[in-house]
Amino acid sequence: MKNTYLPIFIFLFFISSRSFAQTIKNDPKLEFKNGRMSVLLDDGNIKFTPGGRFTMDAAYLKEDITPLGSGSRVKEARINMALKVKKFSYFFEIDFERSEIRMKDLTARYNFTDHNFIKVGHYTEPFSPNYLTTTKKVSFIGRPNMASAFAPSRALGISFRHYQKRFWFEGGIFGENVNQKYNGDDGYALTGRLVGIPVEMPGSHLHFGFSASYRLANNRGLDDDGSSYYNRKINYTAGLQNYIDQQIFLASYVGPSGSDSYGQNDLEDLRNGGAKNQLKFDFEIMDIYKNFNWQVEFITTRVNRVMNKAKILEFERDGGLYPETWEDIKWKYGEPRSLNFYGYNIKASWLIFGGQYKYSKYSSTLSQITNRALEFSLRYSYTNLNDTEGDFINGKFYTKEGKNLSMTGGETGAFSAALNYIINANLRIVGDYTFQMIDNYSAPDEDIHIIQARVQAMF
């Protein structure tokens, strides 16, 4: 799938804005809401809202073994524009992080009513509230590793959203991200999130959510026979819960060897097999009671694999051996069994002063705190990228049947505490401490302390 959404977006923007510009009857009006300014035309039928945010982080990291770097950086430097023309809405956001221009969101939307719409463009798939919540609303500086490892990120797609008092749903089909560069058929995903809201009253709110995503694995180029069937990959990675030192500590690369690949051309790639598809589920609970809220989230994922057994047999025969069937050598290579990984996150927050928490019906997450407030939060996050069977011998796993294609991506648990001082809708300061534990088969256990600070300005 090539990046065709940009010209489509520009075309729709041009046609709709030209059509409605001729109907403007009144002078422009300014609207100030939640720290943002909008320009209203035609009695509010046309609304233009520029915006952006700048986020600066600093962190001190104390390690046991692995050398880590403390320091500071600009985490975000974003500019965005939103335009609403009657039933059409457009949004565009770019980031200048690390002096590079990166496209974030690029969407065109048609609003059937105030509570349902269809959207097309490049944006985050509806899965995992921890990943859907923007940095303007998160209580901590680093996202939980569980969300970073498993939640799908931005991709090209089209989706439909509908929400009402007791119900919220969004689902759609998505391709790969805009940076896909390999020949062959792209991977694609069917992703959706459903939320039920059984309790909603002044000062109290409870919701239960469920997300699911099926993805055909992303291709990594064509095989020698011109197919990408055996040459697909799904990567799960996680680092420390900060944005200063972003080393990868956990990694499960399901597919050809290495963090990337360009074709299964040797036995090393073939013996690892390829990723076929994955199925992910997310379960969430969130409760608000006046100035207190807690959230629980659990994600599990299953990855199915394939192996080019015919080509492995060919390599074996070219090497002078003459196995008749796969059964003669499967003890040496193992079967491409499915892999299962999981993670969970538990969080509680208390508004020491600043009123009560509010719920966003639009996104089915917590609303941004826009008044002066002080918030204290605690969190524990756990991520497991291991799926093993048998005994670990000389860097491989073996059962009585022979080699087992286990995965040892590692596991991590992290305790975090954060103090979030919201000055107003445009400025906040965050202090964050995290104690993170890393456990890998290939490296010694390690405990890491992270002390962080953040200043974020929004407009």
Protein backbone atom coordinates (compact mmCIF):
# COMPACT_ATOMS: atom_id res chain seq x y z
CA MET A 1 0.00 0.00 0.00
CA LYS A 2 1.55 3.27 -1.06
CA ASN A 3 0.99 6.62 0.64
CA THR A 4 -2.00 7.84 -1.38
CA TYR A 5 -3.86 9.50 1.50
CA LEU A 6 -2.04 12.84 1.29
CA PRO A 7 -3.33 13.81 -2.18
CA ILE A 8 -6.80 12.50 -1.26
CA PHE A 9 -6.76 14.61 1.89
CA ILE A 10 -5.67 17.74 0.00
CA PHE A 11 -8.34 17.15 -2.67
CA LEU A 12 -11.16 16.74 -0.12
CA PHE A 13 -9.95 19.77 1.82
CA PHE A 14 -9.86 21.91 -1.34
CA ILE A 15 -13.29 20.84 -2.63
CA SER A 16 -15.14 21.23 0.67
CA SER A 17 -13.50 24.51 1.64
CA ARG A 18 -14.20 26.01 -1.81
CA SER A 19 -17.82 24.84 -1.70
CA PHE A 20 -18.61 26.29 1.69
CA ALA A 21 -16.47 29.43 1.47
CA GLN A 22 -19.06 30.92 -0.87
CA THR A 23 -21.77 30.65 1.81
CA ILE A 24 -20.01 32.68 4.53
CA LYS A 25 -22.36 35.39 5.75
CA ASN A 26 -20.83 36.76 8.97
CA ASP A 27 -17.56 38.26 10.12
CA PRO A 28 -15.10 35.92 11.85
CA LYS A 29 -15.47 35.33 15.60
CA LEU A 30 -12.89 34.09 18.08
CA GLU A 31 -13.61 31.30 20.54
CA PHE A 32 -11.37 30.42 23.50
CA LYS A 33 -11.94 26.99 25.06
CA ASN A 34 -9.66 24.80 27.20
CA GLY A 35 -6.65 26.95 26.41
CA ARG A 36 -7.12 26.88 22.63
CA MET A 37 -8.27 29.55 20.21
CA SER A 38 -10.59 28.88 17.27
CA VAL A 39 -11.80 31.08 14.44
CA LEU A 40 -15.53 30.70 13.69
CA LEU A 41 -17.18 31.61 10.41
CA ASP A 42 -20.70 31.31 9.04
CA ASP A 43 -22.33 31.10 12.49
CA GLY A 44 -19.95 28.32 13.53
CA ASN A 45 -20.44 26.12 10.46
CA ILE A 46 -16.79 26.69 9.65
CA LYS A 47 -14.26 26.39 12.48
CA PHE A 48 -10.47 26.66 12.21
CA THR A 49 -8.28 25.73 15.19
CA PRO A 50 -4.47 25.97 15.07
CA GLY A 51 -2.51 24.33 17.87
CA GLY A 52 0.53 22.46 19.02
CA ARG A 53 2.59 21.41 21.99
CA PHE A 54 6.21 21.43 23.13
CA THR A 55 7.48 18.85 25.59
CA MET A 56 10.91 18.99 27.25
CA ASP A 57 12.21 16.04 29.29
CA ALA A 58 15.19 15.52 31.59
CA ALA A 59 16.19 12.25 33.27
CA TYR A 60 18.81 10.77 35.56
CA LEU A 61 19.32 7.00 35.18
CA LYS A 62 21.14 4.79 37.70
CA GLU A 63 21.97 1.33 36.34
CA ASP A 64 23.44 -1.92 37.69
CA ILE A 65 25.30 -3.14 34.62
CA THR A 66 24.28 -1.67 31.25
CA PRO A 67 25.80 1.81 30.64
CA LEU A 68 22.95 4.32 30.37
CA GLY A 69 22.86 7.97 29.45
CA SER A 70 21.26 10.70 31.54
CA GLY A 71 20.42 14.04 30.00
CA SER A 72 17.66 16.12 28.48
CA ARG A 73 15.89 16.45 25.14
CA VAL A 74 12.90 17.90 23.35
CA LYS A 75 10.41 15.05 23.37
CA GLU A 76 7.81 16.80 21.18
CA ALA A 77 7.64 19.93 19.05
CA ARG A 78 4.30 19.57 17.30
CA ILE A 79 2.22 21.86 15.15
CA ASN A 80 -1.33 20.95 14.19
CA MET A 81 -4.32 22.38 12.39
CA ALA A 82 -7.97 21.40 12.64
CA LEU A 83 -10.69 22.54 10.26
CA LYS A 84 -14.41 21.81 10.45
CA VAL A 85 -16.60 22.70 7.47
CA LYS A 86 -20.18 21.73 8.31
CA LYS A 87 -20.13 17.89 8.37
CA PHE A 88 -16.50 17.58 7.24
CA SER A 89 -13.54 17.68 9.63
CA TYR A 90 -9.82 17.67 8.84
CA PHE A 91 -6.79 17.35 11.09
CA PHE A 92 -3.10 17.59 10.31
CA GLU A 93 -0.18 17.28 12.76
CA ILE A 94 3.59 17.16 12.26
CA ASP A 95 6.43 16.83 14.73
CA PHE A 96 9.88 18.48 14.57
CA GLU A 97 11.41 16.17 17.17
CA ARG A 98 15.22 15.95 16.94
CA SER A 99 15.21 18.39 14.02
CA GLU A 100 13.36 15.90 11.81
CA ILE A 101 9.97 16.51 10.26
CA ARG A 102 7.67 13.57 10.99
CA MET A 103 4.05 13.22 10.04
CA LYS A 104 1.84 12.17 12.94
CA ASP A 105 -1.85 12.50 12.10
CA LEU A 106 -3.42 13.26 8.75
CA THR A 107 -7.17 12.64 8.73
CA ALA A 108 -10.34 13.53 6.87
CA ARG A 109 -13.65 12.85 8.60
CA TYR A 110 -17.32 12.94 7.71
CA ASN A 111 -19.65 13.44 10.69
CA PHE A 112 -23.01 11.75 10.22
CA THR A 113 -24.19 13.18 13.56
CA ASP A 114 -22.51 14.59 16.68
CA HIS A 115 -21.94 11.03 17.90
CA ASN A 116 -20.74 9.04 14.88
CA PHE A 117 -18.37 9.57 11.98
CA ILE A 118 -16.21 7.85 9.41
CA LYS A 119 -12.52 8.71 9.29
CA VAL A 120 -9.75 8.05 6.76
CA GLY A 121 -6.05 8.84 6.91
CA HIS A 122 -2.96 8.16 9.04
CA TYR A 123 -3.71 7.84 12.76
CA THR A 124 -3.60 5.53 15.78
CA GLU A 125 -5.56 2.29 15.59
CA PRO A 126 -8.36 2.00 18.21
CA PHE A 127 -6.62 -0.34 20.63
CA SER A 128 -5.36 0.10 24.24
CA PRO A 129 -6.36 3.21 26.20
CA ASN A 130 -2.77 3.60 27.40
CA TYR A 131 -1.67 4.18 23.81
CA LEU A 132 -4.72 6.14 22.66
CA THR A 133 -4.31 8.70 25.46
CA THR A 134 -2.18 11.63 24.24
CA THR A 135 0.76 13.02 26.23
CA LYS A 136 -1.42 16.01 27.13
CA LYS A 137 -3.44 13.72 29.38
CA VAL A 138 -1.05 11.05 30.68
CA SER A 139 -0.03 11.24 34.33
CA PHE A 140 3.42 9.72 33.83
CA ILE A 141 6.34 10.68 31.62
CA GLY A 142 7.03 7.25 30.13
CA ARG A 143 4.25 5.03 28.80
CA PRO A 144 3.99 1.55 30.33
CA ASN A 145 6.09 -1.03 28.49
CA MET A 146 3.03 -3.19 28.03
CA ALA A 147 1.47 -0.56 25.74
CA SER A 148 4.75 0.21 23.95
CA ALA A 149 5.37 -3.47 23.18
CA PHE A 150 1.90 -4.57 22.08
CA ALA A 151 -0.33 -1.64 21.12
CA PRO A 152 -0.50 -0.87 17.39
CA SER A 153 0.77 2.58 16.48
CA ARG A 154 -0.25 4.91 13.66
CA ALA A 155 -1.14 3.40 10.31
CA LEU A 156 -3.02 4.25 7.13
CA GLY A 157 -6.64 3.23 7.49
CA ILE A 158 -10.34 3.89 7.54
CA SER A 159 -12.65 3.45 10.55
CA PHE A 160 -16.12 4.18 11.90
CA ARG A 161 -16.85 5.51 15.40
CA HIS A 162 -20.17 5.67 17.27
CA TYR A 163 -20.74 6.62 20.89
CA GLN A 164 -23.63 7.40 23.22
CA LYS A 165 -24.31 7.44 26.97
CA ARG A 166 -23.69 3.75 27.70
CA PHE A 167 -21.74 2.64 24.66
CA TRP A 168 -18.61 3.50 22.64
CA PHE A 169 -17.25 1.72 19.55
CA GLU A 170 -14.66 2.26 16.86
CA GLY A 171 -13.48 -0.28 14.29
CA GLY A 172 -11.69 -0.23 10.98
CA ILE A 173 -9.17 -1.68 8.55
CA PHE A 174 -5.56 -0.49 8.54
CA GLY A 175 -2.49 -1.03 6.39
CA GLU A 176 1.14 -0.54 7.31
CA ASN A 177 2.58 2.83 8.29
CA VAL A 178 3.66 5.44 5.75
CA ASN A 179 7.32 4.32 5.93
CA GLN A 180 6.70 0.85 4.46
CA LYS A 181 9.45 0.39 1.85
CA TYR A 182 9.53 -3.29 0.86
CA ASN A 183 8.32 -4.98 -2.31
CA GLY A 184 5.42 -7.37 -1.96
CA ASP A 185 1.93 -7.25 -0.49
CA ASP A 186 1.60 -5.12 2.64
CA GLY A 187 0.34 -6.48 5.92
CA TYR A 188 -3.06 -5.25 7.05
CA ALA A 189 -5.08 -5.18 10.27
CA LEU A 190 -8.69 -5.33 11.40
CA THR A 191 -8.85 -3.45 14.71
CA GLY A 192 -11.69 -2.42 16.96
CA ARG A 193 -12.45 -1.20 20.50
CA LEU A 194 -15.76 -1.57 22.36
CA VAL A 195 -16.56 0.15 25.67
CA GLY A 196 -19.56 -0.36 27.93
CA ILE A 197 -20.45 2.30 30.54
CA PRO A 198 -22.75 0.75 33.18
CA VAL A 199 -22.29 3.51 35.78
CA GLU A 200 -22.44 7.21 35.00
CA MET A 201 -23.61 9.76 37.53
CA PRO A 202 -22.29 13.05 38.95
CA GLY A 203 -18.85 12.38 40.44
CA SER A 204 -18.83 8.68 39.56
CA HIS A 205 -18.06 6.80 36.37
CA LEU A 206 -17.22 3.18 35.55
CA HIS A 207 -16.40 1.63 32.20
CA PHE A 208 -15.34 -1.78 30.86
CA GLY A 209 -13.52 -2.04 27.54
CA PHE A 210 -12.46 -4.72 25.10
CA SER A 211 -10.21 -4.34 22.06
CA ALA A 212 -9.20 -6.86 19.40
CA SER A 213 -6.83 -6.71 16.46
CA TYR A 214 -6.03 -9.23 13.74
CA ARG A 215 -2.97 -8.41 11.63
CA LEU A 216 -1.41 -10.13 8.66
CA ALA A 217 2.29 -9.80 9.41
CA ASN A 218 4.24 -7.00 7.73
CA ASN A 219 6.26 -8.09 4.71
CA ARG A 220 10.05 -7.73 4.58
CA GLY A 221 10.65 -8.18 0.89
CA LEU A 222 10.19 -10.97 -1.64
CA ASP A 223 11.56 -14.49 -1.47
CA ASP A 224 13.56 -15.94 -4.35
CA ASP A 225 10.33 -17.29 -5.82
CA GLY A 226 8.75 -13.82 -5.87
CA SER A 227 6.48 -14.42 -2.87
CA SER A 228 6.51 -12.77 0.56
CA TYR A 229 4.56 -15.59 2.26
CA TYR A 230 7.51 -16.90 4.29
CA ASN A 231 9.23 -13.55 4.63
CA ARG A 232 6.94 -11.66 7.00
CA LYS A 233 7.78 -10.34 10.41
CA ILE A 234 6.25 -8.98 13.61
CA ASN A 235 8.51 -7.17 16.05
CA TYR A 236 7.82 -6.72 19.77
CA THR A 237 10.25 -4.43 21.55
CA ALA A 238 10.41 -2.47 24.78
CA GLY A 239 12.96 -0.33 26.55
CA LEU A 240 13.02 1.77 29.68
CA GLN A 241 10.05 3.92 30.63
CA ASN A 242 11.71 7.18 29.63
CA TYR A 243 12.57 9.14 26.48
CA ILE A 244 16.21 10.03 27.20
CA ASP A 245 17.96 6.65 26.92
CA GLN A 246 15.94 4.56 24.48
CA GLN A 247 17.97 1.36 24.34
CA ILE A 248 15.93 -1.76 23.61
CA PHE A 249 16.06 -4.20 26.53
CA LEU A 250 13.27 -6.56 25.48
CA ALA A 251 12.91 -7.87 21.92
CA SER A 252 11.03 -10.72 20.28
CA TYR A 253 11.50 -10.67 16.51
CA VAL A 254 9.06 -13.22 15.13
CA GLY A 255 10.23 -13.98 11.61
CA PRO A 256 13.53 -14.03 9.71
CA SER A 257 16.63 -13.42 11.83
CA GLY A 258 17.72 -10.00 13.04
CA SER A 259 15.74 -6.82 13.61
CA ASP A 260 15.13 -6.53 9.87
CA SER A 261 15.45 -8.69 6.77
CA TYR A 262 15.30 -8.55 3.00
CA GLY A 263 14.54 -12.14 2.01
CA GLN A 264 15.05 -15.70 3.21
CA ASN A 265 18.18 -16.43 1.25
CA ASP A 266 20.16 -18.54 3.71
CA LEU A 267 19.64 -21.30 6.21
CA GLU A 268 19.87 -18.95 9.20
CA ASP A 269 16.81 -17.02 8.03
CA LEU A 270 14.94 -20.18 7.13
CA ARG A 271 15.48 -21.93 10.46
CA ASN A 272 13.67 -19.10 12.28
CA GLY A 273 10.58 -19.35 10.10
CA GLY A 274 8.36 -16.41 9.28
CA ALA A 275 5.47 -14.66 11.01
CA LYS A 276 2.08 -15.38 9.49
CA ASN A 277 -0.36 -13.31 11.51
CA GLN A 278 -1.16 -12.16 15.02
CA LEU A 279 -4.29 -11.83 17.12
CA LYS A 280 -4.33 -9.41 20.06
CA PHE A 281 -6.86 -8.82 22.81
CA ASP A 282 -7.03 -5.98 25.31
CA PHE A 283 -9.20 -5.85 28.45
CA GLU A 284 -9.63 -2.60 30.39
CA ILE A 285 -11.46 -1.27 33.43
CA MET A 286 -11.57 2.38 34.47
CA ASP A 287 -13.31 3.92 37.45
CA ILE A 288 -13.72 7.57 38.42
CA TYR A 289 -15.00 8.63 41.81
CA LYS A 290 -14.79 12.38 42.36
CA ASN A 291 -11.06 13.19 42.66
CA PHE A 292 -9.85 9.57 42.51
CA ASN A 293 -9.48 7.22 39.55
CA TRP A 294 -8.00 3.80 38.91
CA GLN A 295 -7.38 1.82 35.74
CA VAL A 296 -6.45 -1.79 34.94
CA GLU A 297 -5.43 -3.06 31.51
CA PHE A 298 -4.37 -6.52 30.29
CA ILE A 299 -3.07 -7.34 26.79
CA THR A 300 -2.39 -10.76 25.31
CA THR A 301 -1.14 -11.57 21.82
CA ARG A 302 -0.76 -14.78 19.83
CA VAL A 303 1.57 -14.96 16.82
CA ASN A 304 1.24 -17.75 14.27
CA ARG A 305 4.35 -18.77 12.32
CA VAL A 306 5.19 -20.57 9.09
CA MET A 307 8.37 -22.31 7.92
CA ASN A 308 9.60 -22.93 4.39
CA LYS A 309 10.25 -26.63 4.94
CA ALA A 310 10.73 -27.38 1.22
CA LYS A 311 13.57 -24.88 0.99
CA ILE A 312 15.23 -26.21 4.14
CA LEU A 313 15.14 -29.70 2.62
CA GLU A 314 16.73 -28.25 -0.50
CA PHE A 315 19.56 -26.70 1.54
CA GLU A 316 20.13 -29.98 3.37
CA ARG A 317 20.36 -31.91 0.10
CA ASP A 318 22.68 -29.35 -1.44
CA GLY A 319 24.93 -29.88 1.58
CA GLY A 320 25.34 -33.55 0.80
CA LEU A 321 22.61 -34.94 3.05
CA TYR A 322 19.62 -36.78 1.66
CA PRO A 323 16.64 -36.56 4.01
CA GLU A 324 13.56 -37.96 2.36
CA THR A 325 10.94 -35.98 4.25
CA TRP A 326 10.62 -33.17 6.80
CA GLU A 327 10.04 -35.81 9.51
CA ASP A 328 13.67 -36.91 9.07
CA ILE A 329 15.08 -33.51 10.08
CA LYS A 330 12.41 -31.70 12.11
CA TRP A 331 14.29 -32.60 15.35
CA LYS A 332 17.09 -30.37 14.06
CA TYR A 333 14.97 -27.32 13.18
CA GLY A 334 11.84 -27.59 15.31
CA GLU A 335 8.24 -26.90 14.39
CA PRO A 336 7.01 -23.31 13.91
CA ARG A 337 4.57 -23.37 16.82
CA SER A 338 2.54 -20.30 17.77
CA LEU A 339 3.88 -17.88 20.39
CA ASN A 340 2.00 -16.15 23.18
CA PHE A 341 3.04 -12.95 24.99
CA TYR A 342 1.24 -10.74 27.48
CA GLY A 343 1.41 -7.73 29.76
CA TYR A 344 -0.66 -5.74 32.22
CA ASN A 345 -0.82 -2.32 33.83
CA ILE A 346 -2.37 -1.10 37.11
CA LYS A 347 -2.67 2.63 37.83
CA ALA A 348 -4.28 4.83 40.51
CA SER A 349 -4.40 8.64 40.67
CA TRP A 350 -5.53 11.20 43.22
CA LEU A 351 -6.27 14.88 42.56
CA ILE A 352 -4.90 16.46 45.72
CA PHE A 353 -6.54 19.71 44.67
CA GLY A 354 -8.09 20.94 41.46
CA GLY A 355 -11.61 19.53 41.43
CA GLN A 356 -12.76 16.21 40.01
CA TYR A 357 -11.81 13.96 37.10
CA LYS A 358 -13.93 14.16 33.97
CA TYR A 359 -14.63 11.60 31.30
CA SER A 360 -14.28 12.18 27.56
CA LYS A 361 -17.21 10.69 25.68
CA TYR A 362 -15.43 11.42 22.40
CA SER A 363 -12.38 9.21 23.08
CA SER A 364 -13.68 7.07 25.98
CA THR A 365 -10.65 8.03 28.09
CA LEU A 366 -10.03 10.57 30.85
CA SER A 367 -10.46 14.20 29.84
CA GLN A 368 -7.50 16.57 29.95
CA ILE A 369 -7.23 18.50 33.21
CA THR A 370 -7.35 22.16 32.22
CA ASN A 371 -7.62 24.01 35.55
CA ARG A 372 -4.95 24.48 38.23
CA ALA A 373 -4.48 21.10 39.92
CA LEU A 374 -2.00 18.80 41.65
CA GLU A 375 -2.17 15.07 40.92
CA PHE A 376 -0.36 12.14 42.55
CA SER A 377 -0.22 8.80 40.69
CA LEU A 378 1.10 5.28 41.24
CA ARG A 379 1.55 2.59 38.59
CA TYR A 380 2.85 -0.94 38.14
CA SER A 381 3.45 -2.31 34.65
CA TYR A 382 4.57 -5.81 33.61
CA THR A 383 5.55 -7.13 30.16
CA ASN A 384 6.53 -10.69 29.21
CA LEU A 385 8.07 -11.44 25.81
CA ASN A 386 9.06 -15.02 26.69
CA ASP A 387 7.42 -18.18 25.38
CA THR A 388 9.61 -21.19 26.10
CA GLU A 389 9.35 -24.98 26.18
CA GLY A 390 11.99 -27.52 27.14
CA ASP A 391 15.53 -27.09 28.51
CA PHE A 392 17.87 -24.20 27.71
CA ILE A 393 21.11 -25.72 26.34
CA ASN A 394 23.87 -23.71 24.62
CA GLY A 395 21.56 -20.85 23.77
CA LYS A 396 18.73 -23.05 22.39
CA PHE A 397 15.69 -24.83 23.79
CA TYR A 398 15.25 -28.58 23.39
CA THR A 399 12.49 -31.02 24.24
CA LYS A 400 12.55 -34.82 23.84
CA GLU A 401 11.35 -34.30 20.24
CA GLY A 402 14.38 -32.13 19.46
CA LYS A 403 14.85 -28.40 18.97
CA ASN A 404 12.02 -26.15 20.15
CA LEU A 405 11.47 -22.77 18.51
CA SER A 406 11.02 -20.90 21.77
CA MET A 407 11.29 -17.13 22.12
CA THR A 408 13.25 -15.38 24.88
CA GLY A 409 12.51 -11.70 24.47
CA GLY A 410 12.71 -11.06 28.21
CA GLU A 411 10.39 -9.66 30.84
CA THR A 412 10.22 -6.44 32.81
CA GLY A 413 8.27 -5.01 35.72
CA ALA A 414 8.25 -1.34 36.67
CA PHE A 415 6.95 0.63 39.68
CA SER A 416 6.33 4.34 39.01
CA ALA A 417 5.23 7.33 41.08
CA ALA A 418 4.47 10.73 39.57
CA LEU A 419 3.52 14.21 40.74
CA ASN A 420 1.76 16.23 38.08
CA TYR A 421 1.28 19.99 38.61
CA ILE A 422 -1.14 21.47 36.10
CA ILE A 423 -0.78 25.25 36.09
CA ASN A 424 -3.53 25.77 33.50
CA ALA A 425 -4.72 24.29 30.21
CA ASN A 426 -1.51 25.45 28.51
CA LEU A 427 1.26 24.50 30.92
CA ARG A 428 2.13 21.65 33.26
CA ILE A 429 5.15 20.24 35.13
CA VAL A 430 5.66 16.54 35.90
CA GLY A 431 8.07 14.77 38.25
CA ASP A 432 8.41 10.99 37.88
CA TYR A 433 10.34 8.18 39.60
CA THR A 434 10.49 4.65 38.15
CA PHE A 435 12.13 1.50 39.49
CA GLN A 436 12.39 -0.94 36.59
CA MET A 437 13.50 -4.58 36.72
CA ILE A 438 14.82 -6.33 33.60
CA ASP A 439 15.15 -10.11 33.27
CA ASN A 440 16.57 -11.70 30.10
CA TYR A 441 17.85 -15.17 29.27
CA SER A 442 20.73 -13.62 27.34
CA ALA A 443 21.76 -11.00 29.94
CA PRO A 444 22.04 -10.78 33.75
CA ASP A 445 19.12 -9.49 35.78
CA GLU A 446 19.24 -5.74 36.19
CA ASP A 447 17.55 -3.09 38.34
CA ILE A 448 17.36 0.47 37.06
CA HIS A 449 16.32 3.69 38.81
CA ILE A 450 14.94 6.55 36.69
CA ILE A 451 14.27 10.06 38.00
CA GLN A 452 12.57 12.31 35.45
CA ALA A 453 11.10 15.77 34.98
CA ARG A 454 8.93 17.21 32.23
CA VAL A 455 7.76 20.66 31.21
CA GLN A 456 4.95 20.68 28.64
CA ALA A 457 3.43 23.72 26.94
CA MET A 458 0.26 23.40 24.86
CA PHE A 459 -1.63 25.87 22.76
